[in-house]
Amino acid sequence: MRDELKLELHPQKSKIIPLAKGIDFVGFRNFYYFKLLRKRNIRNMERKIKKYAQKEIDYNKLLESFKGWQAYAKWADSYKLRYKVKCKIESME
């Protein structure tokens, strides 16, 4: 890289890791053949469901959050996860 591209990596900020561990980038864990949502994004949606169950937020606010989260989650390989969250919300209606 140094000779051909004239680039130098920062020694403390750069590291080489196997792709099998996944790379955290733009809200997803990117692997070689698939990408998953970050765990904290899943937990945030679960917290909002819990807030609705405790009557801290209304159904419209929860639905608004879910639709945004679902649009984001569609970019990952998360069909089963989205289905589970949707079923959980519908069962609370």
PDB file of N, CA and C in Angstrom:
ATOM      1  N   MET A   1       0.817  -1.193   0.000  1.00  0.00           N
ATOM      2  CA  MET A   1       0.000   0.000   0.000  1.00  0.00           C
ATOM      3  C   MET A   1       0.861   1.257   0.000  1.00  0.00           C
ATOM      4  N   ARG A   2       1.897   1.205   0.757  1.00  0.00           N
ATOM      5  CA  ARG A   2       2.740   2.386   0.874  1.00  0.00           C
ATOM      6  C   ARG A   2       3.409   2.731  -0.455  1.00  0.00           C
ATOM      7  N   ASP A   3       3.887   1.723  -1.161  1.00  0.00           N
ATOM      8  CA  ASP A   3       4.621   1.977  -2.397  1.00  0.00           C
ATOM      9  C   ASP A   3       3.703   2.301  -3.575  1.00  0.00           C
ATOM     10  N   GLU A   4       2.674   1.485  -3.775  1.00  0.00           N
ATOM     11  CA  GLU A   4       1.846   1.652  -4.969  1.00  0.00           C
ATOM     12  C   GLU A   4       0.760   2.706  -4.817  1.00  0.00           C
ATOM     13  N   LEU A   5       0.107   2.743  -3.669  1.00  0.00           N
ATOM     14  CA  LEU A   5      -1.001   3.682  -3.485  1.00  0.00           C
ATOM     15  C   LEU A   5      -0.611   4.944  -2.720  1.00  0.00           C
ATOM     16  N   LYS A   6       0.577   4.934  -2.182  1.00  0.00           N
ATOM     17  CA  LYS A   6       1.064   6.062  -1.379  1.00  0.00           C
ATOM     18  C   LYS A   6       0.156   6.310  -0.160  1.00  0.00           C
ATOM     19  N   LEU A   7      -0.289   5.204   0.451  1.00  0.00           N
ATOM     20  CA  LEU A   7      -1.140   5.283   1.634  1.00  0.00           C
ATOM     21  C   LEU A   7      -0.426   4.669   2.824  1.00  0.00           C
ATOM     22  N   GLU A   8      -0.737   5.218   3.978  1.00  0.00           N
ATOM     23  CA  GLU A   8      -0.159   4.695   5.205  1.00  0.00           C
ATOM     24  C   GLU A   8      -1.265   4.549   6.240  1.00  0.00           C
ATOM     25  N   LEU A   9      -1.325   3.409   6.923  1.00  0.00           N
ATOM     26  CA  LEU A   9      -2.330   3.176   7.946  1.00  0.00           C
ATOM     27  C   LEU A   9      -1.854   3.685   9.292  1.00  0.00           C
ATOM     28  N   HIS A  10      -2.792   4.243  10.049  1.00  0.00           N
ATOM     29  CA  HIS A  10      -2.471   4.708  11.397  1.00  0.00           C
ATOM     30  C   HIS A  10      -2.269   3.489  12.288  1.00  0.00           C
ATOM     31  N   PRO A  11      -1.146   3.391  12.986  1.00  0.00           N
ATOM     32  CA  PRO A  11      -0.843   2.172  13.750  1.00  0.00           C
ATOM     33  C   PRO A  11      -1.827   1.887  14.892  1.00  0.00           C
ATOM     34  N   GLN A  12      -2.384   2.910  15.555  1.00  0.00           N
ATOM     35  CA  GLN A  12      -3.308   2.664  16.661  1.00  0.00           C
ATOM     36  C   GLN A  12      -4.766   2.538  16.200  1.00  0.00           C
ATOM     37  N   LYS A  13      -5.097   3.130  15.068  1.00  0.00           N
ATOM     38  CA  LYS A  13      -6.489   3.146  14.621  1.00  0.00           C
ATOM     39  C   LYS A  13      -6.836   2.031  13.641  1.00  0.00           C
ATOM     40  N   SER A  14      -5.861   1.367  13.107  1.00  0.00           N
ATOM     41  CA  SER A  14      -6.108   0.339  12.096  1.00  0.00           C
ATOM     42  C   SER A  14      -5.665  -1.021  12.608  1.00  0.00           C
ATOM     43  N   LYS A  15      -6.484  -2.021  12.286  1.00  0.00           N
ATOM     44  CA  LYS A  15      -6.101  -3.382  12.627  1.00  0.00           C
ATOM     45  C   LYS A  15      -6.705  -4.318  11.594  1.00  0.00           C
ATOM     46  N   ILE A  16      -6.052  -5.405  11.368  1.00  0.00           N
ATOM     47  CA  ILE A  16      -6.518  -6.405  10.420  1.00  0.00           C
ATOM     48  C   ILE A  16      -7.176  -7.522  11.214  1.00  0.00           C
ATOM     49  N   ILE A  17      -8.451  -7.783  10.905  1.00  0.00           N
ATOM     50  CA  ILE A  17      -9.193  -8.844  11.581  1.00  0.00           C
ATOM     51  C   ILE A  17      -9.828  -9.745  10.528  1.00  0.00           C
ATOM     52  N   PRO A  18     -10.116 -10.995  10.884  1.00  0.00           N
ATOM     53  CA  PRO A  18     -10.779 -11.879   9.920  1.00  0.00           C
ATOM     54  C   PRO A  18     -12.227 -11.441   9.692  1.00  0.00           C
ATOM     55  N   LEU A  19     -12.669 -11.535   8.466  1.00  0.00           N
ATOM     56  CA  LEU A  19     -14.031 -11.135   8.120  1.00  0.00           C
ATOM     57  C   LEU A  19     -15.069 -12.027   8.794  1.00  0.00           C
ATOM     58  N   ALA A  20     -14.664 -13.191   9.225  1.00  0.00           N
ATOM     59  CA  ALA A  20     -15.582 -14.101   9.913  1.00  0.00           C
ATOM     60  C   ALA A  20     -16.091 -13.498  11.221  1.00  0.00           C
ATOM     61  N   LYS A  21     -15.333 -12.579  11.822  1.00  0.00           N
ATOM     62  CA  LYS A  21     -15.780 -11.907  13.046  1.00  0.00           C
ATOM     63  C   LYS A  21     -16.810 -10.830  12.752  1.00  0.00           C
ATOM     64  N   GLY A  22     -16.861 -10.372  11.533  1.00  0.00           N
ATOM     65  CA  GLY A  22     -17.804  -9.325  11.163  1.00  0.00           C
ATOM     66  C   GLY A  22     -17.214  -7.951  11.398  1.00  0.00           C
ATOM     67  N   ILE A  23     -17.616  -7.027  10.552  1.00  0.00           N
ATOM     68  CA  ILE A  23     -17.136  -5.653  10.655  1.00  0.00           C
ATOM     69  C   ILE A  23     -18.322  -4.766  10.983  1.00  0.00           C
ATOM     70  N   ASP A  24     -18.205  -3.972  12.032  1.00  0.00           N
ATOM     71  CA  ASP A  24     -19.248  -3.055  12.436  1.00  0.00           C
ATOM     72  C   ASP A  24     -19.171  -1.815  11.543  1.00  0.00           C
ATOM     73  N   PHE A  25     -20.189  -1.629  10.689  1.00  0.00           N
ATOM     74  CA  PHE A  25     -20.151  -0.514   9.744  1.00  0.00           C
ATOM     75  C   PHE A  25     -21.569  -0.061   9.414  1.00  0.00           C
ATOM     76  N   VAL A  26     -21.840   1.204   9.555  1.00  0.00           N
ATOM     77  CA  VAL A  26     -23.096   1.866   9.189  1.00  0.00           C
ATOM     78  C   VAL A  26     -24.319   1.170   9.799  1.00  0.00           C
ATOM     79  N   GLY A  27     -24.243   0.816  11.066  1.00  0.00           N
ATOM     80  CA  GLY A  27     -25.388   0.242  11.757  1.00  0.00           C
ATOM     81  C   GLY A  27     -25.586  -1.244  11.588  1.00  0.00           C
ATOM     82  N   PHE A  28     -24.674  -1.921  10.930  1.00  0.00           N
ATOM     83  CA  PHE A  28     -24.801  -3.348  10.687  1.00  0.00           C
ATOM     84  C   PHE A  28     -23.510  -4.063  11.058  1.00  0.00           C
ATOM     85  N   ARG A  29     -23.629  -5.375  11.309  1.00  0.00           N
ATOM     86  CA  ARG A  29     -22.456  -6.252  11.432  1.00  0.00           C
ATOM     87  C   ARG A  29     -22.326  -6.933  10.082  1.00  0.00           C
ATOM     88  N   ASN A  30     -21.325  -6.561   9.322  1.00  0.00           N
ATOM     89  CA  ASN A  30     -21.131  -7.071   7.968  1.00  0.00           C
ATOM     90  C   ASN A  30     -20.197  -8.265   7.976  1.00  0.00           C
ATOM     91  N   PHE A  31     -20.682  -9.365   7.443  1.00  0.00           N
ATOM     92  CA  PHE A  31     -19.901 -10.574   7.277  1.00  0.00           C
ATOM     93  C   PHE A  31     -19.685 -10.789   5.786  1.00  0.00           C
ATOM     94  N   TYR A  32     -19.026 -11.842   5.424  1.00  0.00           N
ATOM     95  CA  TYR A  32     -18.691 -12.057   4.018  1.00  0.00           C
ATOM     96  C   TYR A  32     -19.936 -12.234   3.152  1.00  0.00           C
ATOM     97  N   TYR A  33     -20.878 -13.082   3.587  1.00  0.00           N
ATOM     98  CA  TYR A  33     -22.049 -13.370   2.772  1.00  0.00           C
ATOM     99  C   TYR A  33     -23.355 -12.774   3.291  1.00  0.00           C
ATOM    100  N   PHE A  34     -23.349 -12.140   4.421  1.00  0.00           N
ATOM    101  CA  PHE A  34     -24.590 -11.601   4.976  1.00  0.00           C
ATOM    102  C   PHE A  34     -24.282 -10.442   5.922  1.00  0.00           C
ATOM    103  N   LYS A  35     -25.339  -9.725   6.323  1.00  0.00           N
ATOM    104  CA  LYS A  35     -25.171  -8.684   7.332  1.00  0.00           C
ATOM    105  C   LYS A  35     -26.322  -8.739   8.322  1.00  0.00           C
ATOM    106  N   LEU A  36     -26.011  -8.422   9.560  1.00  0.00           N
ATOM    107  CA  LEU A  36     -26.965  -8.459  10.653  1.00  0.00           C
ATOM    108  C   LEU A  36     -27.093  -7.081  11.272  1.00  0.00           C
ATOM    109  N   LEU A  37     -28.172  -6.888  12.025  1.00  0.00           N
ATOM    110  CA  LEU A  37     -28.337  -5.643  12.757  1.00  0.00           C
ATOM    111  C   LEU A  37     -27.426  -5.635  13.971  1.00  0.00           C
ATOM    112  N   ARG A  38     -27.047  -4.452  14.403  1.00  0.00           N
ATOM    113  CA  ARG A  38     -26.312  -4.350  15.655  1.00  0.00           C
ATOM    114  C   ARG A  38     -27.231  -4.760  16.803  1.00  0.00           C
ATOM    115  N   LYS A  39     -26.659  -5.375  17.802  1.00  0.00           N
ATOM    116  CA  LYS A  39     -27.455  -5.818  18.954  1.00  0.00           C
ATOM    117  C   LYS A  39     -28.118  -4.649  19.665  1.00  0.00           C
ATOM    118  N   ARG A  40     -27.435  -3.521  19.734  1.00  0.00           N
ATOM    119  CA  ARG A  40     -28.016  -2.382  20.456  1.00  0.00           C
ATOM    120  C   ARG A  40     -29.236  -1.827  19.736  1.00  0.00           C
ATOM    121  N   ASN A  41     -29.298  -1.944  18.413  1.00  0.00           N
ATOM    122  CA  ASN A  41     -30.477  -1.490  17.688  1.00  0.00           C
ATOM    123  C   ASN A  41     -31.672  -2.397  17.961  1.00  0.00           C
ATOM    124  N   ILE A  42     -31.411  -3.681  18.107  1.00  0.00           N
ATOM    125  CA  ILE A  42     -32.477  -4.617  18.457  1.00  0.00           C
ATOM    126  C   ILE A  42     -32.965  -4.329  19.869  1.00  0.00           C
ATOM    127  N   ARG A  43     -32.030  -4.104  20.796  1.00  0.00           N
ATOM    128  CA  ARG A  43     -32.400  -3.794  22.182  1.00  0.00           C
ATOM    129  C   ARG A  43     -33.199  -2.497  22.273  1.00  0.00           C
ATOM    130  N   ASN A  44     -32.846  -1.506  21.465  1.00  0.00           N
ATOM    131  CA  ASN A  44     -33.598  -0.242  21.485  1.00  0.00           C
ATOM    132  C   ASN A  44     -35.053  -0.463  21.091  1.00  0.00           C
ATOM    133  N   MET A  45     -35.290  -1.290  20.087  1.00  0.00           N
ATOM    134  CA  MET A  45     -36.668  -1.578  19.678  1.00  0.00           C
ATOM    135  C   MET A  45     -37.395  -2.339  20.776  1.00  0.00           C
ATOM    136  N   GLU A  46     -36.712  -3.281  21.415  1.00  0.00           N
ATOM    137  CA  GLU A  46     -37.329  -4.032  22.508  1.00  0.00           C
ATOM    138  C   GLU A  46     -37.660  -3.124  23.691  1.00  0.00           C
ATOM    139  N   ARG A  47     -36.819  -2.120  23.952  1.00  0.00           N
ATOM    140  CA  ARG A  47     -37.106  -1.157  25.024  1.00  0.00           C
ATOM    141  C   ARG A  47     -38.376  -0.359  24.725  1.00  0.00           C
ATOM    142  N   LYS A  48     -38.552   0.009  23.460  1.00  0.00           N
ATOM    143  CA  LYS A  48     -39.752   0.764  23.090  1.00  0.00           C
ATOM    144  C   LYS A  48     -41.004  -0.091  23.254  1.00  0.00           C
ATOM    145  N   ILE A  49     -40.900  -1.365  22.950  1.00  0.00           N
ATOM    146  CA  ILE A  49     -42.034  -2.271  23.157  1.00  0.00           C
ATOM    147  C   ILE A  49     -42.343  -2.368  24.642  1.00  0.00           C
ATOM    148  N   LYS A  50     -41.303  -2.446  25.451  1.00  0.00           N
ATOM    149  CA  LYS A  50     -41.488  -2.517  26.904  1.00  0.00           C
ATOM    150  C   LYS A  50     -42.115  -1.231  27.438  1.00  0.00           C
ATOM    151  N   LYS A  51     -41.698  -0.080  26.895  1.00  0.00           N
ATOM    152  CA  LYS A  51     -42.292   1.202  27.307  1.00  0.00           C
ATOM    153  C   LYS A  51     -43.778   1.242  26.966  1.00  0.00           C
ATOM    154  N   TYR A  52     -44.138   0.690  25.819  1.00  0.00           N
ATOM    155  CA  TYR A  52     -45.550   0.633  25.450  1.00  0.00           C
ATOM    156  C   TYR A  52     -46.310  -0.266  26.420  1.00  0.00           C
ATOM    157  N   ALA A  53     -45.735  -1.380  26.778  1.00  0.00           N
ATOM    158  CA  ALA A  53     -46.381  -2.299  27.718  1.00  0.00           C
ATOM    159  C   ALA A  53     -46.585  -1.642  29.076  1.00  0.00           C
ATOM    160  N   GLN A  54     -45.683  -0.744  29.454  1.00  0.00           N
ATOM    161  CA  GLN A  54     -45.779  -0.042  30.736  1.00  0.00           C
ATOM    162  C   GLN A  54     -46.559   1.268  30.621  1.00  0.00           C
ATOM    163  N   LYS A  55     -47.158   1.498  29.446  1.00  0.00           N
ATOM    164  CA  LYS A  55     -48.000   2.678  29.175  1.00  0.00           C
ATOM    165  C   LYS A  55     -47.225   3.990  29.208  1.00  0.00           C
ATOM    166  N   GLU A  56     -45.911   3.942  28.930  1.00  0.00           N
ATOM    167  CA  GLU A  56     -45.110   5.159  28.881  1.00  0.00           C
ATOM    168  C   GLU A  56     -45.231   5.861  27.533  1.00  0.00           C
ATOM    169  N   ILE A  57     -45.504   5.081  26.476  1.00  0.00           N
ATOM    170  CA  ILE A  57     -45.741   5.659  25.151  1.00  0.00           C
ATOM    171  C   ILE A  57     -47.024   5.059  24.594  1.00  0.00           C
ATOM    172  N   ASP A  58     -47.669   5.768  23.674  1.00  0.00           N
ATOM    173  CA  ASP A  58     -48.914   5.252  23.103  1.00  0.00           C
ATOM    174  C   ASP A  58     -48.631   4.365  21.884  1.00  0.00           C
ATOM    175  N   TYR A  59     -49.683   3.710  21.393  1.00  0.00           N
ATOM    176  CA  TYR A  59     -49.540   2.749  20.303  1.00  0.00           C
ATOM    177  C   TYR A  59     -49.060   3.422  19.023  1.00  0.00           C
ATOM    178  N   ASN A  60     -49.542   4.623  18.740  1.00  0.00           N
ATOM    179  CA  ASN A  60     -49.131   5.321  17.514  1.00  0.00           C
ATOM    180  C   ASN A  60     -47.637   5.634  17.523  1.00  0.00           C
ATOM    181  N   LYS A  61     -47.117   6.020  18.664  1.00  0.00           N
ATOM    182  CA  LYS A  61     -45.676   6.295  18.784  1.00  0.00           C
ATOM    183  C   LYS A  61     -44.867   5.012  18.586  1.00  0.00           C
ATOM    184  N   LEU A  62     -45.341   3.918  19.153  1.00  0.00           N
ATOM    185  CA  LEU A  62     -44.668   2.628  18.986  1.00  0.00           C
ATOM    186  C   LEU A  62     -44.698   2.199  17.526  1.00  0.00           C
ATOM    187  N   LEU A  63     -45.851   2.341  16.885  1.00  0.00           N
ATOM    188  CA  LEU A  63     -45.994   1.953  15.486  1.00  0.00           C
ATOM    189  C   LEU A  63     -45.093   2.793  14.587  1.00  0.00           C
ATOM    190  N   GLU A  64     -45.005   4.075  14.881  1.00  0.00           N
ATOM    191  CA  GLU A  64     -44.121   4.971  14.122  1.00  0.00           C
ATOM    192  C   GLU A  64     -42.661   4.534  14.247  1.00  0.00           C
ATOM    193  N   SER A  65     -42.245   4.223  15.463  1.00  0.00           N
ATOM    194  CA  SER A  65     -40.879   3.750  15.693  1.00  0.00           C
ATOM    195  C   SER A  65     -40.628   2.419  14.998  1.00  0.00           C
ATOM    196  N   PHE A  66     -41.609   1.524  15.074  1.00  0.00           N
ATOM    197  CA  PHE A  66     -41.451   0.210  14.463  1.00  0.00           C
ATOM    198  C   PHE A  66     -41.322   0.308  12.947  1.00  0.00           C
ATOM    199  N   LYS A  67     -42.123   1.154  12.328  1.00  0.00           N
ATOM    200  CA  LYS A  67     -42.047   1.291  10.873  1.00  0.00           C
ATOM    201  C   LYS A  67     -40.672   1.803  10.436  1.00  0.00           C
ATOM    202  N   GLY A  68     -40.132   2.762  11.157  1.00  0.00           N
ATOM    203  CA  GLY A  68     -38.793   3.256  10.853  1.00  0.00           C
ATOM    204  C   GLY A  68     -37.731   2.186  11.063  1.00  0.00           C
ATOM    205  N   TRP A  69     -37.855   1.472  12.185  1.00  0.00           N
ATOM    206  CA  TRP A  69     -36.900   0.405  12.485  1.00  0.00           C
ATOM    207  C   TRP A  69     -36.986  -0.706  11.450  1.00  0.00           C
ATOM    208  N   GLN A  70     -38.212  -1.033  11.032  1.00  0.00           N
ATOM    209  CA  GLN A  70     -38.401  -2.098  10.054  1.00  0.00           C
ATOM    210  C   GLN A  70     -37.798  -1.716   8.703  1.00  0.00           C
ATOM    211  N   ALA A  71     -37.944  -0.459   8.295  1.00  0.00           N
ATOM    212  CA  ALA A  71     -37.351  -0.001   7.040  1.00  0.00           C
ATOM    213  C   ALA A  71     -35.830  -0.111   7.096  1.00  0.00           C
ATOM    214  N   TYR A  72     -35.266   0.205   8.250  1.00  0.00           N
ATOM    215  CA  TYR A  72     -33.818   0.068   8.441  1.00  0.00           C
ATOM    216  C   TYR A  72     -33.411  -1.403   8.463  1.00  0.00           C
ATOM    217  N   ALA A  73     -34.199  -2.236   9.157  1.00  0.00           N
ATOM    218  CA  ALA A  73     -33.859  -3.651   9.336  1.00  0.00           C
ATOM    219  C   ALA A  73     -33.971  -4.450   8.043  1.00  0.00           C
ATOM    220  N   LYS A  74     -34.742  -3.971   7.087  1.00  0.00           N
ATOM    221  CA  LYS A  74     -34.887  -4.691   5.815  1.00  0.00           C
ATOM    222  C   LYS A  74     -33.565  -4.793   5.057  1.00  0.00           C
ATOM    223  N   TRP A  75     -32.640  -3.899   5.333  1.00  0.00           N
ATOM    224  CA  TRP A  75     -31.350  -3.922   4.640  1.00  0.00           C
ATOM    225  C   TRP A  75     -30.457  -5.047   5.144  1.00  0.00           C
ATOM    226  N   ALA A  76     -30.806  -5.629   6.281  1.00  0.00           N
ATOM    227  CA  ALA A  76     -30.028  -6.745   6.831  1.00  0.00           C
ATOM    228  C   ALA A  76     -30.767  -8.054   6.558  1.00  0.00           C
ATOM    229  N   ASP A  77     -30.120  -9.146   6.857  1.00  0.00           N
ATOM    230  CA  ASP A  77     -30.750 -10.456   6.752  1.00  0.00           C
ATOM    231  C   ASP A  77     -31.501 -10.710   8.059  1.00  0.00           C
ATOM    232  N   SER A  78     -32.715 -10.151   8.139  1.00  0.00           N
ATOM    233  CA  SER A  78     -33.413 -10.147   9.424  1.00  0.00           C
ATOM    234  C   SER A  78     -34.901 -10.471   9.306  1.00  0.00           C
ATOM    235  N   TYR A  79     -35.287 -11.288   8.358  1.00  0.00           N
ATOM    236  CA  TYR A  79     -36.711 -11.566   8.151  1.00  0.00           C
ATOM    237  C   TYR A  79     -37.363 -12.142   9.413  1.00  0.00           C
ATOM    238  N   LYS A  80     -36.750 -13.157   9.994  1.00  0.00           N
ATOM    239  CA  LYS A  80     -37.331 -13.803  11.179  1.00  0.00           C
ATOM    240  C   LYS A  80     -37.407 -12.837  12.361  1.00  0.00           C
ATOM    241  N   LEU A  81     -36.373 -12.032  12.533  1.00  0.00           N
ATOM    242  CA  LEU A  81     -36.364 -11.051  13.624  1.00  0.00           C
ATOM    243  C   LEU A  81     -37.488 -10.041  13.447  1.00  0.00           C
ATOM    244  N   ARG A  82     -37.639  -9.513  12.248  1.00  0.00           N
ATOM    245  CA  ARG A  82     -38.704  -8.535  11.989  1.00  0.00           C
ATOM    246  C   ARG A  82     -40.075  -9.161  12.217  1.00  0.00           C
ATOM    247  N   TYR A  83     -40.227 -10.416  11.816  1.00  0.00           N
ATOM    248  CA  TYR A  83     -41.493 -11.118  12.017  1.00  0.00           C
ATOM    249  C   TYR A  83     -41.798 -11.289  13.504  1.00  0.00           C
ATOM    250  N   LYS A  84     -40.790 -11.677  14.291  1.00  0.00           N
ATOM    251  CA  LYS A  84     -40.984 -11.862  15.737  1.00  0.00           C
ATOM    252  C   LYS A  84     -41.387 -10.549  16.412  1.00  0.00           C
ATOM    253  N   VAL A  85     -40.703  -9.470  16.059  1.00  0.00           N
ATOM    254  CA  VAL A  85     -41.007  -8.166  16.663  1.00  0.00           C
ATOM    255  C   VAL A  85     -42.412  -7.723  16.269  1.00  0.00           C
ATOM    256  N   LYS A  86     -42.771  -7.929  15.009  1.00  0.00           N
ATOM    257  CA  LYS A  86     -44.107  -7.558  14.541  1.00  0.00           C
ATOM    258  C   LYS A  86     -45.180  -8.351  15.291  1.00  0.00           C
ATOM    259  N   CYS A  87     -44.967  -9.641  15.474  1.00  0.00           N
ATOM    260  CA  CYS A  87     -45.925 -10.482  16.199  1.00  0.00           C
ATOM    261  C   CYS A  87     -46.040 -10.039  17.659  1.00  0.00           C
ATOM    262  N   LYS A  88     -44.917  -9.673  18.251  1.00  0.00           N
ATOM    263  CA  LYS A  88     -44.926  -9.216  19.642  1.00  0.00           C
ATOM    264  C   LYS A  88     -45.765  -7.938  19.785  1.00  0.00           C
ATOM    265  N   ILE A  89     -45.627  -7.018  18.826  1.00  0.00           N
ATOM    266  CA  ILE A  89     -46.380  -5.772  18.866  1.00  0.00           C
ATOM    267  C   ILE A  89     -47.863  -6.041  18.624  1.00  0.00           C
ATOM    268  N   GLU A  90     -48.164  -6.893  17.651  1.00  0.00           N
ATOM    269  CA  GLU A  90     -49.569  -7.190  17.343  1.00  0.00           C
ATOM    270  C   GLU A  90     -50.268  -7.909  18.500  1.00  0.00           C
ATOM    271  N   SER A  91     -49.536  -8.709  19.247  1.00  0.00           N
ATOM    272  CA  SER A  91     -50.149  -9.423  20.372  1.00  0.00           C
ATOM    273  C   SER A  91     -50.477  -8.478  21.534  1.00  0.00           C
ATOM    274  N   MET A  92     -49.834  -7.308  21.550  1.00  0.00           N
ATOM    275  CA  MET A  92     -50.063  -6.347  22.625  1.00  0.00           C
ATOM    276  C   MET A  92     -51.205  -5.389  22.324  1.00  0.00           C
ATOM    277  N   GLU A  93     -51.670  -5.365  21.088  1.00  0.00           N
ATOM    278  CA  GLU A  93     -52.707  -4.422  20.656  1.00  0.00           C
ATOM    279  C   GLU A  93     -53.909  -4.444  21.509  1.00  0.00           C
TER     280      GLU A  93
END
